[in-house]
Amino acid sequence: EGDYYQSVFNMSVIIHPENPGRIREGMTLRAHWNVVDDLGRRGQGTEEFTLQRHEHLRKNSIDSNI
């Protein structure tokens, strides 16, 4: 349960769970989807994913001495 948002180019979906404190690394997430893009292409399915945490470097975090 919760909200979701699509990326600008409909390439990904960002999920915002109703209770994010219950989400932990290593948990299994079951996703169901039935989508149609702007060109009429359809995709549907169900899949289970093991949640992993990834950290992304920010572009402005480069050493300022360079």
Protein backbone atom coordinates (compact mmCIF):
# COMPACT_ATOMS: atom_id res chain seq x y z
CA GLU A 1 0.00 0.00 0.00
CA GLY A 2 1.21 3.50 -0.77
CA ASP A 3 1.83 5.92 -3.62
CA TYR A 4 3.95 5.64 -6.73
CA TYR A 5 5.36 8.11 -9.24
CA GLN A 6 6.51 7.60 -12.82
CA SER A 7 9.75 9.05 -14.13
CA VAL A 8 9.68 11.79 -16.76
CA PHE A 9 10.27 9.37 -19.64
CA ASN A 10 8.11 6.55 -18.19
CA MET A 11 11.25 4.44 -17.79
CA SER A 12 10.83 3.71 -14.08
CA VAL A 13 8.39 3.87 -11.21
CA ILE A 14 9.31 5.16 -7.77
CA ILE A 15 7.38 3.48 -4.96
CA HIS A 16 6.61 5.35 -1.75
CA PRO A 17 5.28 2.78 0.75
CA GLU A 18 2.60 3.78 3.24
CA ASN A 19 4.82 2.69 6.16
CA PRO A 20 8.49 2.93 5.04
CA GLY A 21 9.77 1.94 8.50
CA ARG A 22 8.63 -1.62 7.84
CA ILE A 23 10.82 -1.95 4.73
CA ARG A 24 14.21 -3.58 5.35
CA GLU A 25 17.13 -4.67 3.17
CA GLY A 26 16.88 -8.37 2.37
CA MET A 27 13.07 -8.45 2.43
CA THR A 28 11.24 -9.91 -0.54
CA LEU A 29 9.00 -7.54 -2.48
CA ARG A 30 6.33 -8.93 -4.78
CA ALA A 31 5.43 -6.54 -7.58
CA HIS A 32 2.42 -6.84 -9.88
CA TRP A 33 2.12 -4.60 -12.93
CA ASN A 34 -0.20 -4.07 -15.86
CA VAL A 35 0.92 -1.01 -17.81
CA VAL A 36 0.51 0.68 -21.18
CA ASP A 37 3.00 3.31 -22.36
CA ASP A 38 2.31 6.37 -24.51
CA LEU A 39 2.93 4.31 -27.67
CA GLY A 40 0.32 1.70 -26.72
CA ARG A 41 2.83 -1.01 -25.77
CA ARG A 42 1.60 -3.25 -22.98
CA GLY A 43 3.48 -5.01 -20.24
CA GLN A 44 2.22 -7.11 -17.39
CA GLY A 45 3.60 -9.54 -14.90
CA THR A 46 4.40 -10.51 -11.36
CA GLU A 47 7.90 -10.83 -9.96
CA GLU A 48 9.59 -11.15 -6.58
CA PHE A 49 12.65 -9.02 -5.80
CA THR A 50 15.05 -9.14 -2.86
CA LEU A 51 15.49 -5.58 -1.66
CA GLN A 52 19.00 -4.14 -1.72
CA ARG A 53 20.25 -0.74 -0.62
CA HIS A 54 22.28 1.27 -3.12
CA GLU A 55 23.86 4.66 -2.56
CA HIS A 56 24.52 6.99 -5.46
CA LEU A 57 27.25 9.61 -5.51
CA ARG A 58 26.12 13.15 -6.15
CA LYS A 59 27.82 15.06 -8.95
CA ASN A 60 28.67 17.92 -6.59
CA SER A 61 30.45 15.59 -4.14
CA ILE A 62 33.66 15.56 -6.23
CA ASP A 63 36.76 16.71 -4.35
CA SER A 64 36.97 20.50 -4.65
CA ASN A 65 40.81 20.38 -4.79
CA ILE A 66 40.83 18.92 -8.29
